[in-house]
C-alpha atoms as a PDB file:
ATOM      1  CA  MET A   1     -57.549  65.949  -9.111  1.00  0.00           C
ATOM      2  CA  PRO A   2     -56.163  67.495  -5.946  1.00  0.00           C
ATOM      3  CA  HIS A   3     -52.895  69.384  -6.292  1.00  0.00           C
ATOM      4  CA  LYS A   4     -51.215  67.034  -3.790  1.00  0.00           C
ATOM      5  CA  PRO A   5     -52.686  63.519  -4.067  1.00  0.00           C
ATOM      6  CA  TYR A   6     -50.076  61.947  -1.764  1.00  0.00           C
ATOM      7  CA  GLY A   7     -46.919  62.850   0.092  1.00  0.00           C
ATOM      8  CA  PRO A   8     -44.381  61.819   2.719  1.00  0.00           C
ATOM      9  CA  ASN A   9     -46.733  62.319   5.680  1.00  0.00           C
ATOM     10  CA  ASP A  10     -49.835  60.875   4.048  1.00  0.00           C
ATOM     11  CA  ASN A  11     -51.742  57.902   5.398  1.00  0.00           C
ATOM     12  CA  PHE A  12     -51.029  54.850   3.209  1.00  0.00           C
ATOM     13  CA  HIS A  13     -53.272  52.404   5.090  1.00  0.00           C
ATOM     14  CA  GLU A  14     -55.426  50.328   2.720  1.00  0.00           C
ATOM     15  CA  THR A  15     -58.773  51.101   4.321  1.00  0.00           C
ATOM     16  CA  THR A  16     -58.330  54.505   5.980  1.00  0.00           C
ATOM     17  CA  SER A  17     -56.214  56.419   3.453  1.00  0.00           C
ATOM     18  CA  HIS A  18     -57.173  58.613   0.530  1.00  0.00           C
ATOM     19  CA  VAL A  19     -57.740  56.855  -2.800  1.00  0.00           C
ATOM     20  CA  ILE A  20     -54.332  57.383  -4.449  1.00  0.00           C
ATOM     21  CA  PRO A  21     -52.153  56.369  -1.458  1.00  0.00           C
ATOM     22  CA  GLY A  22     -54.388  53.348  -0.839  1.00  0.00           C
ATOM     23  CA  LEU A  23     -54.030  52.231  -4.440  1.00  0.00           C
ATOM     24  CA  ILE A  24     -50.265  52.699  -4.300  1.00  0.00           C
ATOM     25  CA  THR A  25     -50.142  50.452  -1.228  1.00  0.00           C
ATOM     26  CA  ARG A  26     -52.327  47.795  -2.866  1.00  0.00           C
ATOM     27  CA  PHE A  27     -50.300  47.815  -6.094  1.00  0.00           C
ATOM     28  CA  HIS A  28     -47.061  47.571  -4.127  1.00  0.00           C
ATOM     29  CA  LYS A  29     -48.320  44.611  -2.067  1.00  0.00           C
ATOM     30  CA  ALA A  30     -49.644  42.874  -5.196  1.00  0.00           C
ATOM     31  CA  LYS A  31     -46.268  43.259  -6.901  1.00  0.00           C
ATOM     32  CA  LEU A  32     -44.444  41.881  -3.861  1.00  0.00           C
ATOM     33  CA  ASN A  33     -46.858  38.918  -3.739  1.00  0.00           C
ATOM     34  CA  LYS A  34     -46.794  38.537  -7.551  1.00  0.00           C
ATOM     35  CA  ASP A  35     -50.591  38.774  -7.710  1.00  0.00           C
ATOM     36  CA  ASN A  36     -52.319  39.600 -10.984  1.00  0.00           C
END
């Protein structure tokens, strides 16, 4: 695990980001849309 998996200047785009920020974005969108 990298020492800094995400941060304020990281790329949170679903398809072009690192794994952790991309997952955070997907989980956030799923929660907003109430997806399972």
